[in-house]
Amino acid sequence: MTFRALACLILAAAAVNPASAHETGSSPTDRPVIFADEFNGASLDRTKWNVIGPDFWVNNEQQAYIDDPGVIAIVDGIAGADGGVLMLRPQHLPGIDPHPTRKAPFVSGRIDSRDKFDFTYGRAEARIRMPDAEGVWPAFWLLGNGKWPDTGEIDIMEFVGEKDWVGVALHGPGYSGETPLVDKYFFPKGVDVTQWHTYAVEWKENQIDFEIDGQVTYRVTRPMVENYGKWRFDNPKHIILNFAMGGAYPFKTNGIKAPYNGVPQETVAKVETGTVAMLVDWVRIYAPE
């Protein structure tokens, strides 16, 4: 399927998913922007982003990450977007995974800014639209540059296929994996992840606020973290955008074992249409207040 055809299909799908009436949050325009990508170029800006390859594998996820325009591309003509968007799109291609033991049935895309841009404190936000597909696991997050979880992880938004909610979390030493510092935000009636939303985090020296469309949905303070372990949010972190399939979190949520861990056949069929994608209008990082 060509990117033009894909854009037309996603554009048609957007006609039944109008933008959220709650998307009225204000942007911190009085603060310096220290990193931004509006995704308006012809292709991914490799001066800002790394593309992760198939050697990476965690959480029993059911995809191999590859560097290919079929799974990572800049596309135009998407309803509600301001110019181009980043598209991370899984494909169902069993049998091509080069990993000797994994044999993942999907391929997909993951990018990060490690060694190209990182920051300590400030505001990170992205305008994102999700697909309606059970068992997918796209995310927007920040990760420390050292050994996990010792240098901390801030999950600004992760989605496991139940379209009425998204999750946020903090991970660090003593509070990783099944972390107690986690929250689900349930959208109001008539609103869901298939509409455009701005997901953000305000990262301060002793406090982290998670926001959706300018509204604080969850707050974590240093004392809350130090009930469980050391505060690991005083060091540089880089940006990650990825589209995983199945694995630990979706499976924990839906209990689906077949045809793949955490992924039902209905989602496989949707992926095969080429319209299941995480669309990112822009990413912006602001200096601290």
C-alpha atoms as a PDB file:
ATOM      1  CA  MET A   1       0.000   0.000   0.000  1.00  0.00           C
ATOM      2  CA  THR A   2       1.373   3.431  -0.919  1.00  0.00           C
ATOM      3  CA  PHE A   3       1.665   6.180   1.677  1.00  0.00           C
ATOM      4  CA  ARG A   4      -0.863   8.232  -0.324  1.00  0.00           C
ATOM      5  CA  ALA A   5      -3.368   5.367  -0.142  1.00  0.00           C
ATOM      6  CA  LEU A   6      -2.651   4.889   3.557  1.00  0.00           C
ATOM      7  CA  ALA A   7      -3.231   8.584   4.221  1.00  0.00           C
ATOM      8  CA  CYS A   8      -6.563   8.404   2.406  1.00  0.00           C
ATOM      9  CA  LEU A   9      -7.655   5.400   4.477  1.00  0.00           C
ATOM     10  CA  ILE A  10      -6.688   7.040   7.760  1.00  0.00           C
ATOM     11  CA  LEU A  11      -8.303  10.289   6.614  1.00  0.00           C
ATOM     12  CA  ALA A  12     -11.544   8.432   5.977  1.00  0.00           C
ATOM     13  CA  ALA A  13     -11.365   6.784   9.405  1.00  0.00           C
ATOM     14  CA  ALA A  14     -10.918  10.198  11.025  1.00  0.00           C
ATOM     15  CA  ALA A  15     -14.257  11.356   9.650  1.00  0.00           C
ATOM     16  CA  VAL A  16     -16.019   9.290  12.312  1.00  0.00           C
ATOM     17  CA  ASN A  17     -13.616  10.382  15.070  1.00  0.00           C
ATOM     18  CA  PRO A  18     -13.979  14.180  15.474  1.00  0.00           C
ATOM     19  CA  ALA A  19     -11.396  16.033  17.539  1.00  0.00           C
ATOM     20  CA  SER A  20     -11.990  16.149  21.265  1.00  0.00           C
ATOM     21  CA  ALA A  21     -14.026  19.082  22.509  1.00  0.00           C
ATOM     22  CA  HIS A  22     -11.771  19.069  25.598  1.00  0.00           C
ATOM     23  CA  GLU A  23      -8.623  19.852  23.622  1.00  0.00           C
ATOM     24  CA  THR A  24      -8.369  23.418  24.903  1.00  0.00           C
ATOM     25  CA  GLY A  25      -5.264  23.237  27.082  1.00  0.00           C
ATOM     26  CA  SER A  26      -2.904  26.188  26.794  1.00  0.00           C
ATOM     27  CA  SER A  27       0.637  25.786  25.472  1.00  0.00           C
ATOM     28  CA  PRO A  28       3.546  27.283  27.473  1.00  0.00           C
ATOM     29  CA  THR A  29       4.447  29.693  24.676  1.00  0.00           C
ATOM     30  CA  ASP A  30       6.344  32.032  27.020  1.00  0.00           C
ATOM     31  CA  ARG A  31       8.997  29.374  27.680  1.00  0.00           C
ATOM     32  CA  PRO A  32      11.929  28.583  25.372  1.00  0.00           C
ATOM     33  CA  VAL A  33      11.547  25.520  23.167  1.00  0.00           C
ATOM     34  CA  ILE A  34      14.703  23.435  23.587  1.00  0.00           C
ATOM     35  CA  PHE A  35      13.722  20.646  21.174  1.00  0.00           C
ATOM     36  CA  ALA A  36      10.961  20.287  18.605  1.00  0.00           C
ATOM     37  CA  ASP A  37      10.004  18.176  15.623  1.00  0.00           C
ATOM     38  CA  GLU A  38       6.898  19.133  13.660  1.00  0.00           C
ATOM     39  CA  PHE A  39       7.371  16.166  11.257  1.00  0.00           C
ATOM     40  CA  ASN A  40       6.939  18.344   8.197  1.00  0.00           C
ATOM     41  CA  GLY A  41       9.938  17.077   6.228  1.00  0.00           C
ATOM     42  CA  ALA A  42      10.000  14.477   3.482  1.00  0.00           C
ATOM     43  CA  SER A  43      11.362  11.840   5.861  1.00  0.00           C
ATOM     44  CA  LEU A  44      12.386  11.307   9.484  1.00  0.00           C
ATOM     45  CA  ASP A  45      15.031  13.808  10.638  1.00  0.00           C
ATOM     46  CA  ARG A  46      17.993  11.563  11.486  1.00  0.00           C
ATOM     47  CA  THR A  47      19.830  14.463  13.134  1.00  0.00           C
ATOM     48  CA  LYS A  48      17.186  14.316  15.879  1.00  0.00           C
ATOM     49  CA  TRP A  49      16.190  10.656  15.987  1.00  0.00           C
ATOM     50  CA  ASN A  50      17.730   7.190  16.085  1.00  0.00           C
ATOM     51  CA  VAL A  51      15.831   4.244  14.634  1.00  0.00           C
ATOM     52  CA  ILE A  52      15.922   1.060  16.719  1.00  0.00           C
ATOM     53  CA  GLY A  53      16.592  -2.263  15.003  1.00  0.00           C
ATOM     54  CA  PRO A  54      15.582  -5.907  15.483  1.00  0.00           C
ATOM     55  CA  ASP A  55      18.177  -6.756  18.152  1.00  0.00           C
ATOM     56  CA  PHE A  56      16.088  -4.894  20.735  1.00  0.00           C
ATOM     57  CA  TRP A  57      13.536  -7.074  22.556  1.00  0.00           C
ATOM     58  CA  VAL A  58      11.731  -6.674  25.922  1.00  0.00           C
ATOM     59  CA  ASN A  59       8.471  -7.587  27.682  1.00  0.00           C
ATOM     60  CA  ASN A  60       7.660 -10.548  25.406  1.00  0.00           C
ATOM     61  CA  GLU A  61       6.509  -8.041  22.773  1.00  0.00           C
ATOM     62  CA  GLN A  62       5.355  -9.575  19.505  1.00  0.00           C
ATOM     63  CA  GLN A  63       7.184  -7.279  17.075  1.00  0.00           C
ATOM     64  CA  ALA A  64      10.654  -6.868  15.643  1.00  0.00           C
ATOM     65  CA  TYR A  65      11.673  -3.234  15.264  1.00  0.00           C
ATOM     66  CA  ILE A  66      13.031  -2.417  11.822  1.00  0.00           C
ATOM     67  CA  ASP A  67      14.236   0.646   9.924  1.00  0.00           C
ATOM     68  CA  ASP A  68      11.858   0.729   6.983  1.00  0.00           C
ATOM     69  CA  PRO A  69       9.457   3.312   5.495  1.00  0.00           C
ATOM     70  CA  GLY A  70       6.680   0.753   5.778  1.00  0.00           C
ATOM     71  CA  VAL A  71       6.724   1.149   9.564  1.00  0.00           C
ATOM     72  CA  ILE A  72       8.286   4.612  10.068  1.00  0.00           C
ATOM     73  CA  ALA A  73       7.316   7.432   7.727  1.00  0.00           C
ATOM     74  CA  ILE A  74       6.254  11.063   7.465  1.00  0.00           C
ATOM     75  CA  VAL A  75       2.798  11.333   5.854  1.00  0.00           C
ATOM     76  CA  ASP A  76       0.596  14.245   4.800  1.00  0.00           C
ATOM     77  CA  GLY A  77      -3.149  14.750   4.480  1.00  0.00           C
ATOM     78  CA  ILE A  78      -4.150  13.424   7.898  1.00  0.00           C
ATOM     79  CA  ALA A  79      -7.378  14.959   9.242  1.00  0.00           C
ATOM     80  CA  GLY A  80      -6.842  17.352  12.137  1.00  0.00           C
ATOM     81  CA  ALA A  81      -3.057  17.501  11.794  1.00  0.00           C
ATOM     82  CA  ASP A  82      -1.015  20.632  11.233  1.00  0.00           C
ATOM     83  CA  GLY A  83       1.116  19.629   8.245  1.00  0.00           C
ATOM     84  CA  GLY A  84       2.910  16.294   8.206  1.00  0.00           C
ATOM     85  CA  VAL A  85       2.769  13.621  10.878  1.00  0.00           C
ATOM     86  CA  LEU A  86       5.042  10.850  12.037  1.00  0.00           C
ATOM     87  CA  MET A  87       3.464   7.472  11.337  1.00  0.00           C
ATOM     88  CA  LEU A  88       4.544   4.411  13.339  1.00  0.00           C
ATOM     89  CA  ARG A  89       2.701   1.485  11.779  1.00  0.00           C
ATOM     90  CA  PRO A  90       2.956  -2.239  12.614  1.00  0.00           C
ATOM     91  CA  GLN A  91       2.819  -4.827   9.857  1.00  0.00           C
ATOM     92  CA  HIS A  92       1.900  -8.495  10.141  1.00  0.00           C
ATOM     93  CA  LEU A  93       4.818 -10.248   8.472  1.00  0.00           C
ATOM     94  CA  PRO A  94       5.424 -13.609  10.174  1.00  0.00           C
ATOM     95  CA  GLY A  95       8.517 -15.456   9.114  1.00  0.00           C
ATOM     96  CA  ILE A  96      10.861 -12.539   8.431  1.00  0.00           C
ATOM     97  CA  ASP A  97      12.126 -11.826  11.973  1.00  0.00           C
ATOM     98  CA  PRO A  98      15.937 -12.308  11.909  1.00  0.00           C
ATOM     99  CA  HIS A  99      16.147 -12.961  15.665  1.00  0.00           C
ATOM    100  CA  PRO A 100      17.103 -16.637  16.187  1.00  0.00           C
ATOM    101  CA  THR A 101      14.698 -17.349  19.071  1.00  0.00           C
ATOM    102  CA  ARG A 102      12.034 -14.628  19.052  1.00  0.00           C
ATOM    103  CA  LYS A 103      10.354 -15.149  15.630  1.00  0.00           C
ATOM    104  CA  ALA A 104       8.026 -12.190  16.088  1.00  0.00           C
ATOM    105  CA  PRO A 105       4.984 -12.176  13.770  1.00  0.00           C
ATOM    106  CA  PHE A 106       4.943  -8.364  13.458  1.00  0.00           C
ATOM    107  CA  VAL A 107       7.413  -5.662  12.480  1.00  0.00           C
ATOM    108  CA  SER A 108       7.075  -2.096  13.715  1.00  0.00           C
ATOM    109  CA  GLY A 109       8.861   1.188  14.457  1.00  0.00           C
ATOM    110  CA  ARG A 110      10.666   2.699  17.431  1.00  0.00           C
ATOM    111  CA  ILE A 111      12.655   5.942  17.499  1.00  0.00           C
ATOM    112  CA  ASP A 112      14.566   7.742  20.248  1.00  0.00           C
ATOM    113  CA  SER A 113      16.735  10.818  20.763  1.00  0.00           C
ATOM    114  CA  ARG A 114      19.493   9.188  22.811  1.00  0.00           C
ATOM    115  CA  ASP A 115      22.915  10.850  22.302  1.00  0.00           C
ATOM    116  CA  LYS A 116      21.217  13.461  20.078  1.00  0.00           C
ATOM    117  CA  PHE A 117      19.020  15.230  22.617  1.00  0.00           C
ATOM    118  CA  ASP A 118      18.376  14.741  26.306  1.00  0.00           C
ATOM    119  CA  PHE A 119      17.287  17.094  29.076  1.00  0.00           C
ATOM    120  CA  THR A 120      16.785  17.388  32.827  1.00  0.00           C
ATOM    121  CA  TYR A 121      13.569  19.117  33.960  1.00  0.00           C
ATOM    122  CA  GLY A 122      11.101  20.921  31.732  1.00  0.00           C
ATOM    123  CA  ARG A 123       7.941  20.129  29.816  1.00  0.00           C
ATOM    124  CA  ALA A 124       7.646  17.357  27.229  1.00  0.00           C
ATOM    125  CA  GLU A 125       4.521  17.159  25.111  1.00  0.00           C
ATOM    126  CA  ALA A 126       3.298  15.506  21.936  1.00  0.00           C
ATOM    127  CA  ARG A 127       0.068  15.628  19.959  1.00  0.00           C
ATOM    128  CA  ILE A 128      -0.923  12.054  19.172  1.00  0.00           C
ATOM    129  CA  ARG A 129      -3.745  10.013  17.703  1.00  0.00           C
ATOM    130  CA  MET A 130      -4.136   6.308  18.435  1.00  0.00           C
ATOM    131  CA  PRO A 131      -5.793   3.421  16.585  1.00  0.00           C
ATOM    132  CA  ASP A 132      -8.779   1.410  17.781  1.00  0.00           C
ATOM    133  CA  ALA A 133      -7.096  -1.981  18.106  1.00  0.00           C
ATOM    134  CA  GLU A 134      -6.993  -4.272  21.134  1.00  0.00           C
ATOM    135  CA  GLY A 135      -3.571  -5.498  22.183  1.00  0.00           C
ATOM    136  CA  VAL A 136      -1.469  -2.770  20.590  1.00  0.00           C
ATOM    137  CA  TRP A 137       1.059  -1.007  22.851  1.00  0.00           C
ATOM    138  CA  PRO A 138       2.218   2.379  21.503  1.00  0.00           C
ATOM    139  CA  ALA A 139       3.875   4.820  23.891  1.00  0.00           C
ATOM    140  CA  PHE A 140       5.494   8.239  24.371  1.00  0.00           C
ATOM    141  CA  TRP A 141       8.049   8.303  27.182  1.00  0.00           C
ATOM    142  CA  LEU A 142      11.353   9.487  28.641  1.00  0.00           C
ATOM    143  CA  LEU A 143      14.198   7.224  29.699  1.00  0.00           C
ATOM    144  CA  GLY A 144      17.448   7.743  31.588  1.00  0.00           C
ATOM    145  CA  ASN A 145      20.708   7.062  29.784  1.00  0.00           C
ATOM    146  CA  GLY A 146      22.075   4.407  32.140  1.00  0.00           C
ATOM    147  CA  LYS A 147      21.102   0.917  33.247  1.00  0.00           C
ATOM    148  CA  TRP A 148      17.348   0.355  33.639  1.00  0.00           C
ATOM    149  CA  PRO A 149      15.674   1.113  35.987  1.00  0.00           C
ATOM    150  CA  ASP A 150      18.470   2.815  37.922  1.00  0.00           C
ATOM    151  CA  THR A 151      18.329   6.093  35.960  1.00  0.00           C
ATOM    152  CA  GLY A 152      14.533   6.345  35.871  1.00  0.00           C
ATOM    153  CA  GLU A 153      11.699   6.148  33.346  1.00  0.00           C
ATOM    154  CA  ILE A 154       8.763   8.540  32.842  1.00  0.00           C
ATOM    155  CA  ASP A 155       5.890   7.045  30.841  1.00  0.00           C
ATOM    156  CA  ILE A 156       3.966  10.069  29.581  1.00  0.00           C
ATOM    157  CA  MET A 157       1.413   8.004  27.686  1.00  0.00           C
ATOM    158  CA  GLU A 158       1.005   4.312  26.978  1.00  0.00           C
ATOM    159  CA  PHE A 159      -1.989   2.638  25.402  1.00  0.00           C
ATOM    160  CA  VAL A 160      -2.838  -1.067  25.384  1.00  0.00           C
ATOM    161  CA  GLY A 161      -5.926  -1.127  23.199  1.00  0.00           C
ATOM    162  CA  GLU A 162      -8.875  -0.194  25.439  1.00  0.00           C
ATOM    163  CA  LYS A 163      -9.691   3.079  23.752  1.00  0.00           C
ATOM    164  CA  ASP A 164     -11.404   4.776  26.710  1.00  0.00           C
ATOM    165  CA  TRP A 165      -8.188   5.099  28.773  1.00  0.00           C
ATOM    166  CA  VAL A 166      -4.443   5.666  28.680  1.00  0.00           C
ATOM    167  CA  GLY A 167      -1.831   5.026  31.343  1.00  0.00           C
ATOM    168  CA  VAL A 168       1.114   6.870  32.889  1.00  0.00           C
ATOM    169  CA  ALA A 169       3.837   5.559  35.181  1.00  0.00           C
ATOM    170  CA  LEU A 170       7.201   6.114  36.833  1.00  0.00           C
ATOM    171  CA  HIS A 171       9.851   3.399  37.068  1.00  0.00           C
ATOM    172  CA  GLY A 172      13.048   3.381  39.089  1.00  0.00           C
ATOM    173  CA  PRO A 173      14.973   1.286  41.631  1.00  0.00           C
ATOM    174  CA  GLY A 174      12.431  -0.285  43.981  1.00  0.00           C
ATOM    175  CA  TYR A 175       9.441   0.762  41.866  1.00  0.00           C
ATOM    176  CA  SER A 176       9.933  -0.832  38.434  1.00  0.00           C
ATOM    177  CA  GLY A 177       7.893  -3.273  36.379  1.00  0.00           C
ATOM    178  CA  GLU A 178       4.704  -3.593  38.445  1.00  0.00           C
ATOM    179  CA  THR A 179       5.300  -0.086  39.733  1.00  0.00           C
ATOM    180  CA  PRO A 180       3.000   1.379  42.401  1.00  0.00           C
ATOM    181  CA  LEU A 181       3.461   4.787  40.749  1.00  0.00           C
ATOM    182  CA  VAL A 182       0.964   4.284  37.936  1.00  0.00           C
ATOM    183  CA  ASP A 183      -2.358   5.796  36.920  1.00  0.00           C
ATOM    184  CA  LYS A 184      -5.110   5.275  34.349  1.00  0.00           C
ATOM    185  CA  TYR A 185      -6.950   8.235  32.900  1.00  0.00           C
ATOM    186  CA  PHE A 186     -10.453   7.473  31.624  1.00  0.00           C
ATOM    187  CA  PHE A 187     -11.729   9.872  28.985  1.00  0.00           C
ATOM    188  CA  PRO A 188     -15.173  11.479  29.403  1.00  0.00           C
ATOM    189  CA  LYS A 189     -18.116  10.136  27.426  1.00  0.00           C
ATOM    190  CA  GLY A 190     -17.749  10.717  23.701  1.00  0.00           C
ATOM    191  CA  VAL A 191     -13.956  11.106  23.881  1.00  0.00           C
ATOM    192  CA  ASP A 192     -11.312   8.426  23.294  1.00  0.00           C
ATOM    193  CA  VAL A 193      -7.765   7.808  22.084  1.00  0.00           C
ATOM    194  CA  THR A 194      -8.727   7.751  18.406  1.00  0.00           C
ATOM    195  CA  GLN A 195      -9.063  11.535  18.559  1.00  0.00           C
ATOM    196  CA  TRP A 196      -6.152  13.950  18.702  1.00  0.00           C
ATOM    197  CA  HIS A 197      -4.855  14.669  22.210  1.00  0.00           C
ATOM    198  CA  THR A 198      -1.850  16.473  23.639  1.00  0.00           C
ATOM    199  CA  TYR A 199      -0.056  14.292  26.174  1.00  0.00           C
ATOM    200  CA  ALA A 200       2.454  16.082  28.391  1.00  0.00           C
ATOM    201  CA  VAL A 201       4.591  15.910  31.492  1.00  0.00           C
ATOM    202  CA  GLU A 202       5.828  18.801  33.635  1.00  0.00           C
ATOM    203  CA  TRP A 203       9.045  17.481  35.148  1.00  0.00           C
ATOM    204  CA  LYS A 204      10.290  19.482  38.130  1.00  0.00           C
ATOM    205  CA  GLU A 205      12.991  18.971  40.717  1.00  0.00           C
ATOM    206  CA  ASN A 206      10.671  17.415  43.297  1.00  0.00           C
ATOM    207  CA  GLN A 207       7.417  16.808  41.405  1.00  0.00           C
ATOM    208  CA  ILE A 208       6.152  15.327  38.139  1.00  0.00           C
ATOM    209  CA  ASP A 209       2.725  16.268  36.741  1.00  0.00           C
ATOM    210  CA  PHE A 210       1.104  14.287  33.934  1.00  0.00           C
ATOM    211  CA  GLU A 211      -1.326  16.157  31.696  1.00  0.00           C
ATOM    212  CA  ILE A 212      -3.809  15.460  28.909  1.00  0.00           C
ATOM    213  CA  ASP A 213      -5.030  18.412  26.864  1.00  0.00           C
ATOM    214  CA  GLY A 214      -3.712  20.843  29.457  1.00  0.00           C
ATOM    215  CA  GLN A 215      -5.391  19.188  32.448  1.00  0.00           C
ATOM    216  CA  VAL A 216      -3.330  17.576  35.218  1.00  0.00           C
ATOM    217  CA  THR A 217      -4.440  13.954  35.543  1.00  0.00           C
ATOM    218  CA  TYR A 218      -1.826  12.565  37.967  1.00  0.00           C
ATOM    219  CA  ARG A 219       0.896  13.988  40.205  1.00  0.00           C
ATOM    220  CA  VAL A 220       3.909  12.235  41.738  1.00  0.00           C
ATOM    221  CA  THR A 221       6.101  13.928  44.344  1.00  0.00           C
ATOM    222  CA  ARG A 222       9.579  13.064  45.597  1.00  0.00           C
ATOM    223  CA  PRO A 223       8.233  11.818  48.971  1.00  0.00           C
ATOM    224  CA  MET A 224       5.814   9.478  47.150  1.00  0.00           C
ATOM    225  CA  VAL A 225       8.720   7.969  45.193  1.00  0.00           C
ATOM    226  CA  GLU A 226      10.984   7.742  48.223  1.00  0.00           C
ATOM    227  CA  ASN A 227       8.457   5.487  49.947  1.00  0.00           C
ATOM    228  CA  TYR A 228       9.686   2.829  47.508  1.00  0.00           C
ATOM    229  CA  GLY A 229      13.210   3.742  46.449  1.00  0.00           C
ATOM    230  CA  LYS A 230      15.566   6.493  45.349  1.00  0.00           C
ATOM    231  CA  TRP A 231      14.362   9.492  43.332  1.00  0.00           C
ATOM    232  CA  ARG A 232      15.893   9.010  39.887  1.00  0.00           C
ATOM    233  CA  PHE A 233      14.455  12.074  38.196  1.00  0.00           C
ATOM    234  CA  ASP A 234      17.388  14.456  38.613  1.00  0.00           C
ATOM    235  CA  ASN A 235      19.405  13.201  35.627  1.00  0.00           C
ATOM    236  CA  PRO A 236      19.222  13.541  31.820  1.00  0.00           C
ATOM    237  CA  LYS A 237      16.580  11.609  29.903  1.00  0.00           C
ATOM    238  CA  HIS A 238      15.921  11.099  26.198  1.00  0.00           C
ATOM    239  CA  ILE A 239      12.655  10.839  24.252  1.00  0.00           C
ATOM    240  CA  ILE A 240      11.130   7.605  22.923  1.00  0.00           C
ATOM    241  CA  LEU A 241       8.200   7.017  20.573  1.00  0.00           C
ATOM    242  CA  ASN A 242       7.401   3.402  19.764  1.00  0.00           C
ATOM    243  CA  PHE A 243       4.654   1.075  18.600  1.00  0.00           C
ATOM    244  CA  ALA A 244       4.847  -2.325  20.284  1.00  0.00           C
ATOM    245  CA  MET A 245       2.455  -5.223  19.696  1.00  0.00           C
ATOM    246  CA  GLY A 246       1.188  -7.454  22.481  1.00  0.00           C
ATOM    247  CA  GLY A 247       3.475  -8.536  25.285  1.00  0.00           C
ATOM    248  CA  ALA A 248       3.324  -8.115  29.045  1.00  0.00           C
ATOM    249  CA  TYR A 249       1.066  -5.073  29.541  1.00  0.00           C
ATOM    250  CA  PRO A 250      -1.567  -5.865  26.889  1.00  0.00           C
ATOM    251  CA  PHE A 251      -1.653  -9.499  28.016  1.00  0.00           C
ATOM    252  CA  LYS A 252      -2.071  -8.453  31.653  1.00  0.00           C
ATOM    253  CA  THR A 253      -4.989  -6.291  30.534  1.00  0.00           C
ATOM    254  CA  ASN A 254      -6.824  -8.605  28.125  1.00  0.00           C
ATOM    255  CA  GLY A 255      -5.552 -12.125  28.917  1.00  0.00           C
ATOM    256  CA  ILE A 256      -5.481 -13.059  25.225  1.00  0.00           C
ATOM    257  CA  LYS A 257      -3.154 -15.954  24.385  1.00  0.00           C
ATOM    258  CA  ALA A 258      -3.938 -16.614  20.710  1.00  0.00           C
ATOM    259  CA  PRO A 259      -3.104 -16.106  17.991  1.00  0.00           C
ATOM    260  CA  TYR A 260      -0.366 -14.119  19.758  1.00  0.00           C
ATOM    261  CA  ASN A 261       0.407 -13.082  23.323  1.00  0.00           C
ATOM    262  CA  GLY A 262      -1.916 -10.155  24.055  1.00  0.00           C
ATOM    263  CA  VAL A 263      -3.069  -9.773  20.440  1.00  0.00           C
ATOM    264  CA  PRO A 264      -6.462 -11.068  19.212  1.00  0.00           C
ATOM    265  CA  GLN A 265      -7.201 -12.175  15.648  1.00  0.00           C
ATOM    266  CA  GLU A 266      -9.426  -9.124  15.136  1.00  0.00           C
ATOM    267  CA  THR A 267      -6.396  -6.855  15.622  1.00  0.00           C
ATOM    268  CA  VAL A 268      -4.271  -8.974  13.289  1.00  0.00           C
ATOM    269  CA  ALA A 269      -6.917  -8.431  10.606  1.00  0.00           C
ATOM    270  CA  LYS A 270      -6.950  -4.672  11.269  1.00  0.00           C
ATOM    271  CA  VAL A 271      -3.153  -4.501  11.031  1.00  0.00           C
ATOM    272  CA  GLU A 272      -3.312  -6.274   7.690  1.00  0.00           C
ATOM    273  CA  THR A 273      -5.482  -3.442   6.306  1.00  0.00           C
ATOM    274  CA  GLY A 274      -2.571  -1.037   6.852  1.00  0.00           C
ATOM    275  CA  THR A 275      -4.627   1.466   8.835  1.00  0.00           C
ATOM    276  CA  VAL A 276      -3.474   0.663  12.379  1.00  0.00           C
ATOM    277  CA  ALA A 277      -0.960   3.395  13.220  1.00  0.00           C
ATOM    278  CA  MET A 278       0.240   5.775  15.901  1.00  0.00           C
ATOM    279  CA  LEU A 279       0.168   9.271  14.409  1.00  0.00           C
ATOM    280  CA  VAL A 280       2.272  12.034  15.978  1.00  0.00           C
ATOM    281  CA  ASP A 281       1.590  15.598  14.838  1.00  0.00           C
ATOM    282  CA  TRP A 282       4.532  17.071  16.745  1.00  0.00           C
ATOM    283  CA  VAL A 283       6.864  16.693  19.736  1.00  0.00           C
ATOM    284  CA  ARG A 284       8.018  19.734  21.749  1.00  0.00           C
ATOM    285  CA  ILE A 285      10.267  20.089  24.775  1.00  0.00           C
ATOM    286  CA  TYR A 286      10.194  23.343  26.776  1.00  0.00           C
ATOM    287  CA  ALA A 287      12.712  24.676  29.266  1.00  0.00           C
ATOM    288  CA  PRO A 288      11.731  24.538  32.957  1.00  0.00           C
ATOM    289  CA  GLU A 289       9.455  27.230  34.312  1.00  0.00           C
END
